[in-house]
PDB file of N, CA and C in Angstrom:
ATOM      1  N   MET A   1       0.851  -1.167   0.000  1.00  0.00           N
ATOM      2  CA  MET A   1       0.000   0.000   0.000  1.00  0.00           C
ATOM      3  C   MET A   1       0.904   1.240   0.000  1.00  0.00           C
ATOM      4  N   GLU A   2       0.538   2.198  -0.778  1.00  0.00           N
ATOM      5  CA  GLU A   2       1.337   3.421  -0.882  1.00  0.00           C
ATOM      6  C   GLU A   2       1.182   4.282   0.372  1.00  0.00           C
ATOM      7  N   PRO A   3       2.233   5.021   0.717  1.00  0.00           N
ATOM      8  CA  PRO A   3       2.148   5.884   1.899  1.00  0.00           C
ATOM      9  C   PRO A   3       1.022   6.932   1.805  1.00  0.00           C
ATOM     10  N   SER A   4       0.752   7.440   0.617  1.00  0.00           N
ATOM     11  CA  SER A   4      -0.314   8.433   0.497  1.00  0.00           C
ATOM     12  C   SER A   4      -1.681   7.810   0.775  1.00  0.00           C
ATOM     13  N   ALA A   5      -1.878   6.550   0.384  1.00  0.00           N
ATOM     14  CA  ALA A   5      -3.139   5.865   0.662  1.00  0.00           C
ATOM     15  C   ALA A   5      -3.300   5.621   2.155  1.00  0.00           C
ATOM     16  N   VAL A   6      -2.214   5.253   2.817  1.00  0.00           N
ATOM     17  CA  VAL A   6      -2.261   5.051   4.267  1.00  0.00           C
ATOM     18  C   VAL A   6      -2.587   6.372   4.962  1.00  0.00           C
ATOM     19  N   GLY A   7      -2.009   7.443   4.479  1.00  0.00           N
ATOM     20  CA  GLY A   7      -2.282   8.755   5.055  1.00  0.00           C
ATOM     21  C   GLY A   7      -3.748   9.137   4.921  1.00  0.00           C
ATOM     22  N   LYS A   8      -4.340   8.862   3.760  1.00  0.00           N
ATOM     23  CA  LYS A   8      -5.758   9.172   3.558  1.00  0.00           C
ATOM     24  C   LYS A   8      -6.635   8.349   4.492  1.00  0.00           C
ATOM     25  N   VAL A   9      -6.300   7.082   4.662  1.00  0.00           N
ATOM     26  CA  VAL A   9      -7.073   6.221   5.562  1.00  0.00           C
ATOM     27  C   VAL A   9      -6.981   6.743   6.996  1.00  0.00           C
ATOM     28  N   LEU A  10      -5.801   7.143   7.414  1.00  0.00           N
ATOM     29  CA  LEU A  10      -5.641   7.666   8.779  1.00  0.00           C
ATOM     30  C   LEU A  10      -6.409   8.969   8.978  1.00  0.00           C
ATOM     31  N   VAL A  11      -6.441   9.821   7.970  1.00  0.00           N
ATOM     32  CA  VAL A  11      -7.209  11.066   8.066  1.00  0.00           C
ATOM     33  C   VAL A  11      -8.694  10.758   8.190  1.00  0.00           C
ATOM     34  N   VAL A  12      -9.191   9.814   7.409  1.00  0.00           N
ATOM     35  CA  VAL A  12     -10.612   9.444   7.485  1.00  0.00           C
ATOM     36  C   VAL A  12     -10.938   8.872   8.863  1.00  0.00           C
ATOM     37  N   ILE A  13     -10.067   8.022   9.380  1.00  0.00           N
ATOM     38  CA  ILE A  13     -10.285   7.463  10.723  1.00  0.00           C
ATOM     39  C   ILE A  13     -10.282   8.571  11.774  1.00  0.00           C
ATOM     40  N   GLY A  14      -9.379   9.519  11.650  1.00  0.00           N
ATOM     41  CA  GLY A  14      -9.311  10.626  12.603  1.00  0.00           C
ATOM     42  C   GLY A  14     -10.550  11.501  12.560  1.00  0.00           C
ATOM     43  N   VAL A  15     -11.004  11.834  11.366  1.00  0.00           N
ATOM     44  CA  VAL A  15     -12.214  12.664  11.233  1.00  0.00           C
ATOM     45  C   VAL A  15     -13.422  11.913  11.780  1.00  0.00           C
ATOM     46  N   THR A  16     -13.507  10.631  11.508  1.00  0.00           N
ATOM     47  CA  THR A  16     -14.605   9.826  12.026  1.00  0.00           C
ATOM     48  C   THR A  16     -14.589   9.792  13.557  1.00  0.00           C
ATOM     49  N   ALA A  17     -13.416   9.677  14.149  1.00  0.00           N
ATOM     50  CA  ALA A  17     -13.310   9.664  15.614  1.00  0.00           C
ATOM     51  C   ALA A  17     -13.736  11.010  16.204  1.00  0.00           C
ATOM     52  N   VAL A  18     -13.358  12.112  15.558  1.00  0.00           N
ATOM     53  CA  VAL A  18     -13.743  13.438  16.054  1.00  0.00           C
ATOM     54  C   VAL A  18     -15.254  13.619  15.969  1.00  0.00           C
ATOM     55  N   VAL A  19     -15.857  13.209  14.858  1.00  0.00           N
ATOM     56  CA  VAL A  19     -17.307  13.338  14.698  1.00  0.00           C
ATOM     57  C   VAL A  19     -18.031  12.454  15.719  1.00  0.00           C
ATOM     58  N   ALA A  20     -17.561  11.239  15.916  1.00  0.00           N
ATOM     59  CA  ALA A  20     -18.184  10.349  16.899  1.00  0.00           C
ATOM     60  C   ALA A  20     -18.068  10.938  18.308  1.00  0.00           C
ATOM     61  N   GLY A  21     -16.919  11.506  18.635  1.00  0.00           N
ATOM     62  CA  GLY A  21     -16.749  12.137  19.942  1.00  0.00           C
ATOM     63  C   GLY A  21     -17.690  13.301  20.141  1.00  0.00           C
ATOM     64  N   ALA A  22     -17.862  14.110  19.112  1.00  0.00           N
ATOM     65  CA  ALA A  22     -18.784  15.252  19.199  1.00  0.00           C
ATOM     66  C   ALA A  22     -20.218  14.773  19.386  1.00  0.00           C
ATOM     67  N   ILE A  23     -20.578  13.700  18.712  1.00  0.00           N
ATOM     68  CA  ILE A  23     -21.928  13.160  18.859  1.00  0.00           C
ATOM     69  C   ILE A  23     -22.150  12.646  20.276  1.00  0.00           C
ATOM     70  N   PHE A  24     -21.160  11.964  20.835  1.00  0.00           N
ATOM     71  CA  PHE A  24     -21.299  11.468  22.209  1.00  0.00           C
ATOM     72  C   PHE A  24     -21.401  12.610  23.211  1.00  0.00           C
ATOM     73  N   LEU A  25     -20.655  13.692  22.992  1.00  0.00           N
ATOM     74  CA  LEU A  25     -20.774  14.853  23.873  1.00  0.00           C
ATOM     75  C   LEU A  25     -22.166  15.467  23.770  1.00  0.00           C
ATOM     76  N   LEU A  26     -22.691  15.558  22.567  1.00  0.00           N
ATOM     77  CA  LEU A  26     -24.023  16.115  22.361  1.00  0.00           C
ATOM     78  C   LEU A  26     -25.086  15.235  23.008  1.00  0.00           C
ATOM     79  N   ILE A  27     -24.957  13.929  22.862  1.00  0.00           N
ATOM     80  CA  ILE A  27     -25.913  13.006  23.475  1.00  0.00           C
ATOM     81  C   ILE A  27     -25.912  13.162  24.997  1.00  0.00           C
ATOM     82  N   GLY A  28     -24.731  13.325  25.573  1.00  0.00           N
ATOM     83  CA  GLY A  28     -24.642  13.511  27.023  1.00  0.00           C
ATOM     84  C   GLY A  28     -25.297  14.794  27.484  1.00  0.00           C
ATOM     85  N   LYS A  29     -25.142  15.861  26.707  1.00  0.00           N
ATOM     86  CA  LYS A  29     -25.736  17.144  27.091  1.00  0.00           C
ATOM     87  C   LYS A  29     -27.248  17.155  26.902  1.00  0.00           C
ATOM     88  N   LEU A  30     -27.759  16.363  25.955  1.00  0.00           N
ATOM     89  CA  LEU A  30     -29.197  16.304  25.730  1.00  0.00           C
ATOM     90  C   LEU A  30     -29.898  15.368  26.704  1.00  0.00           C
ATOM     91  N   GLY A  31     -29.147  14.625  27.475  1.00  0.00           N
ATOM     92  CA  GLY A  31     -29.735  13.727  28.458  1.00  0.00           C
ATOM     93  C   GLY A  31     -30.183  12.397  27.880  1.00  0.00           C
ATOM     94  N   LEU A  32     -29.694  12.032  26.702  1.00  0.00           N
ATOM     95  CA  LEU A  32     -30.099  10.766  26.106  1.00  0.00           C
ATOM     96  C   LEU A  32     -29.406   9.576  26.735  1.00  0.00           C
ATOM     97  N   GLY A  33     -28.455   9.796  27.598  1.00  0.00           N
ATOM     98  CA  GLY A  33     -27.742   8.696  28.215  1.00  0.00           C
ATOM     99  C   GLY A  33     -28.456   8.076  29.389  1.00  0.00           C
ATOM    100  N   SER A  34     -29.529   8.686  29.847  1.00  0.00           N
ATOM    101  CA  SER A  34     -30.251   8.141  31.000  1.00  0.00           C
ATOM    102  C   SER A  34     -31.757   8.270  30.767  1.00  0.00           C
ATOM    103  N   MET A  35     -32.240   7.563  29.781  1.00  0.00           N
ATOM    104  CA  MET A  35     -33.656   7.605  29.440  1.00  0.00           C
ATOM    105  C   MET A  35     -34.401   6.474  30.136  1.00  0.00           C
ATOM    106  N   PRO A  36     -35.737   6.604  30.202  1.00  0.00           N
ATOM    107  CA  PRO A  36     -36.518   5.472  30.697  1.00  0.00           C
ATOM    108  C   PRO A  36     -36.296   4.272  29.784  1.00  0.00           C
ATOM    109  N   GLY A  37     -36.146   3.116  30.333  1.00  0.00           N
ATOM    110  CA  GLY A  37     -35.864   1.929  29.550  1.00  0.00           C
ATOM    111  C   GLY A  37     -34.397   1.550  29.570  1.00  0.00           C
ATOM    112  N   ASP A  38     -33.553   2.413  30.120  1.00  0.00           N
ATOM    113  CA  ASP A  38     -32.140   2.090  30.293  1.00  0.00           C
ATOM    114  C   ASP A  38     -31.998   1.354  31.622  1.00  0.00           C
ATOM    115  N   PHE A  39     -31.346   0.224  31.577  1.00  0.00           N
ATOM    116  CA  PHE A  39     -31.221  -0.602  32.769  1.00  0.00           C
ATOM    117  C   PHE A  39     -29.870  -0.371  33.442  1.00  0.00           C
ATOM    118  N   LYS A  40     -29.911  -0.154  34.750  1.00  0.00           N
ATOM    119  CA  LYS A  40     -28.694   0.030  35.540  1.00  0.00           C
ATOM    120  C   LYS A  40     -28.760  -0.910  36.741  1.00  0.00           C
ATOM    121  N   PHE A  41     -27.735  -1.719  36.868  1.00  0.00           N
ATOM    122  CA  PHE A  41     -27.639  -2.632  37.995  1.00  0.00           C
ATOM    123  C   PHE A  41     -26.282  -2.442  38.647  1.00  0.00           C
ATOM    124  N   GLY A  42     -26.247  -2.536  39.946  1.00  0.00           N
ATOM    125  CA  GLY A  42     -24.970  -2.413  40.620  1.00  0.00           C
ATOM    126  C   GLY A  42     -24.985  -3.106  41.959  1.00  0.00           C
ATOM    127  N   LYS A  43     -23.847  -3.694  42.296  1.00  0.00           N
ATOM    128  CA  LYS A  43     -23.689  -4.321  43.601  1.00  0.00           C
ATOM    129  C   LYS A  43     -22.215  -4.239  43.954  1.00  0.00           C
ATOM    130  N   GLY A  44     -21.921  -3.535  45.004  1.00  0.00           N
ATOM    131  CA  GLY A  44     -20.524  -3.365  45.397  1.00  0.00           C
ATOM    132  C   GLY A  44     -19.763  -2.550  44.363  1.00  0.00           C
ATOM    133  N   ASN A  45     -18.670  -3.092  43.892  1.00  0.00           N
ATOM    134  CA  ASN A  45     -17.852  -2.393  42.902  1.00  0.00           C
ATOM    135  C   ASN A  45     -18.218  -2.751  41.468  1.00  0.00           C
ATOM    136  N   VAL A  46     -19.206  -3.600  41.274  1.00  0.00           N
ATOM    137  CA  VAL A  46     -19.584  -4.039  39.932  1.00  0.00           C
ATOM    138  C   VAL A  46     -20.827  -3.281  39.489  1.00  0.00           C
ATOM    139  N   ARG A  47     -20.767  -2.708  38.288  1.00  0.00           N
ATOM    140  CA  ARG A  47     -21.912  -1.991  37.730  1.00  0.00           C
ATOM    141  C   ARG A  47     -22.154  -2.477  36.309  1.00  0.00           C
ATOM    142  N   PHE A  48     -23.441  -2.566  35.965  1.00  0.00           N
ATOM    143  CA  PHE A  48     -23.838  -2.976  34.630  1.00  0.00           C
ATOM    144  C   PHE A  48     -24.850  -1.971  34.119  1.00  0.00           C
ATOM    145  N   TYR A  49     -24.650  -1.482  32.906  1.00  0.00           N
ATOM    146  CA  TYR A  49     -25.538  -0.502  32.300  1.00  0.00           C
ATOM    147  C   TYR A  49     -25.903  -0.976  30.908  1.00  0.00           C
ATOM    148  N   PHE A  50     -27.195  -1.106  30.627  1.00  0.00           N
ATOM    149  CA  PHE A  50     -27.669  -1.511  29.309  1.00  0.00           C
ATOM    150  C   PHE A  50     -28.639  -0.450  28.797  1.00  0.00           C
ATOM    151  N   PRO A  51     -28.217   0.375  27.821  1.00  0.00           N
ATOM    152  CA  PRO A  51     -29.041   1.499  27.347  1.00  0.00           C
ATOM    153  C   PRO A  51     -30.076   1.092  26.302  1.00  0.00           C
ATOM    154  N   LEU A  52     -31.071   0.310  26.679  1.00  0.00           N
ATOM    155  CA  LEU A  52     -32.069  -0.171  25.734  1.00  0.00           C
ATOM    156  C   LEU A  52     -32.917   0.982  25.185  1.00  0.00           C
ATOM    157  N   GLY A  53     -33.413   1.852  26.032  1.00  0.00           N
ATOM    158  CA  GLY A  53     -34.235   2.979  25.580  1.00  0.00           C
ATOM    159  C   GLY A  53     -33.465   3.920  24.667  1.00  0.00           C
ATOM    160  N   THR A  54     -32.238   4.230  25.031  1.00  0.00           N
ATOM    161  CA  THR A  54     -31.396   5.095  24.214  1.00  0.00           C
ATOM    162  C   THR A  54     -31.114   4.444  22.866  1.00  0.00           C
ATOM    163  N   SER A  55     -30.865   3.155  22.847  1.00  0.00           N
ATOM    164  CA  SER A  55     -30.596   2.441  21.595  1.00  0.00           C
ATOM    165  C   SER A  55     -31.800   2.488  20.666  1.00  0.00           C
ATOM    166  N   ILE A  56     -32.988   2.342  21.207  1.00  0.00           N
ATOM    167  CA  ILE A  56     -34.195   2.379  20.383  1.00  0.00           C
ATOM    168  C   ILE A  56     -34.390   3.767  19.786  1.00  0.00           C
ATOM    169  N   VAL A  57     -34.202   4.813  20.587  1.00  0.00           N
ATOM    170  CA  VAL A  57     -34.359   6.182  20.084  1.00  0.00           C
ATOM    171  C   VAL A  57     -33.341   6.479  18.988  1.00  0.00           C
ATOM    172  N   ILE A  58     -32.092   6.128  19.205  1.00  0.00           N
ATOM    173  CA  ILE A  58     -31.054   6.366  18.206  1.00  0.00           C
ATOM    174  C   ILE A  58     -31.348   5.570  16.939  1.00  0.00           C
ATOM    175  N   SER A  59     -31.830   4.345  17.072  1.00  0.00           N
ATOM    176  CA  SER A  59     -32.166   3.523  15.912  1.00  0.00           C
ATOM    177  C   SER A  59     -33.285   4.153  15.085  1.00  0.00           C
ATOM    178  N   VAL A  60     -34.310   4.656  15.740  1.00  0.00           N
ATOM    179  CA  VAL A  60     -35.417   5.287  15.020  1.00  0.00           C
ATOM    180  C   VAL A  60     -34.938   6.547  14.303  1.00  0.00           C
ATOM    181  N   ILE A  61     -34.146   7.369  14.973  1.00  0.00           N
ATOM    182  CA  ILE A  61     -33.637   8.600  14.366  1.00  0.00           C
ATOM    183  C   ILE A  61     -32.763   8.284  13.162  1.00  0.00           C
ATOM    184  N   LEU A  62     -31.848   7.337  13.308  1.00  0.00           N
ATOM    185  CA  LEU A  62     -30.977   6.976  12.182  1.00  0.00           C
ATOM    186  C   LEU A  62     -31.761   6.367  11.027  1.00  0.00           C
ATOM    187  N   THR A  63     -32.777   5.572  11.323  1.00  0.00           N
ATOM    188  CA  THR A  63     -33.604   4.989  10.271  1.00  0.00           C
ATOM    189  C   THR A  63     -34.317   6.076   9.479  1.00  0.00           C
ATOM    190  N   LEU A  64     -34.882   7.054  10.191  1.00  0.00           N
ATOM    191  CA  LEU A  64     -35.560   8.154   9.500  1.00  0.00           C
ATOM    192  C   LEU A  64     -34.596   8.964   8.648  1.00  0.00           C
ATOM    193  N   LEU A  65     -33.434   9.289   9.201  1.00  0.00           N
ATOM    194  CA  LEU A  65     -32.455  10.080   8.446  1.00  0.00           C
ATOM    195  C   LEU A  65     -31.945   9.333   7.220  1.00  0.00           C
ATOM    196  N   LEU A  66     -31.622   8.068   7.382  1.00  0.00           N
ATOM    197  CA  LEU A  66     -31.121   7.299   6.249  1.00  0.00           C
ATOM    198  C   LEU A  66     -32.191   7.110   5.177  1.00  0.00           C
ATOM    199  N   ASN A  67     -33.448   6.946   5.587  1.00  0.00           N
ATOM    200  CA  ASN A  67     -34.517   6.837   4.590  1.00  0.00           C
ATOM    201  C   ASN A  67     -34.708   8.146   3.836  1.00  0.00           C
ATOM    202  N   LEU A  68     -34.505   9.267   4.506  1.00  0.00           N
ATOM    203  CA  LEU A  68     -34.627  10.562   3.825  1.00  0.00           C
ATOM    204  C   LEU A  68     -33.516  10.796   2.829  1.00  0.00           C
ATOM    205  N   PHE A  69     -32.289  10.466   3.205  1.00  0.00           N
ATOM    206  CA  PHE A  69     -31.133  10.802   2.378  1.00  0.00           C
ATOM    207  C   PHE A  69     -30.753   9.728   1.375  1.00  0.00           C
ATOM    208  N   LEU A  70     -31.074   8.488   1.643  1.00  0.00           N
ATOM    209  CA  LEU A  70     -30.644   7.411   0.766  1.00  0.00           C
ATOM    210  C   LEU A  70     -31.806   6.763   0.017  1.00  0.00           C
ATOM    211  N   ARG A  71     -32.937   7.420  -0.033  1.00  0.00           N
ATOM    212  CA  ARG A  71     -34.100   6.865  -0.703  1.00  0.00           C
ATOM    213  C   ARG A  71     -33.838   6.797  -2.204  1.00  0.00           C
ATOM    214  N   ARG A  72     -34.151   5.656  -2.780  1.00  0.00           N
ATOM    215  CA  ARG A  72     -33.997   5.500  -4.226  1.00  0.00           C
ATOM    216  C   ARG A  72     -35.266   5.992  -4.907  1.00  0.00           C
ATOM    217  N   ARG A  73     -35.079   6.715  -5.976  1.00  0.00           N
ATOM    218  CA  ARG A  73     -36.253   7.287  -6.676  1.00  0.00           C
ATOM    219  C   ARG A  73     -36.499   6.599  -7.960  1.00  0.00           C
TER     220      ARG A  73
END
């Protein structure tokens, strides 16, 4: 693989990581990390968190957006 191709791949990975980080910060500020339907269990030093409600909301939003932008005509 050529060095320029590796450089392009690394730039794409970096931009993707920055965008994902920004999305996670936004989700935290909007309060989507602790919705009804999210399960939290803890005992002693062990904690388990399963974001079922948050996953459903994100899935519906992404489905709507992808259907809007990727619809075949």
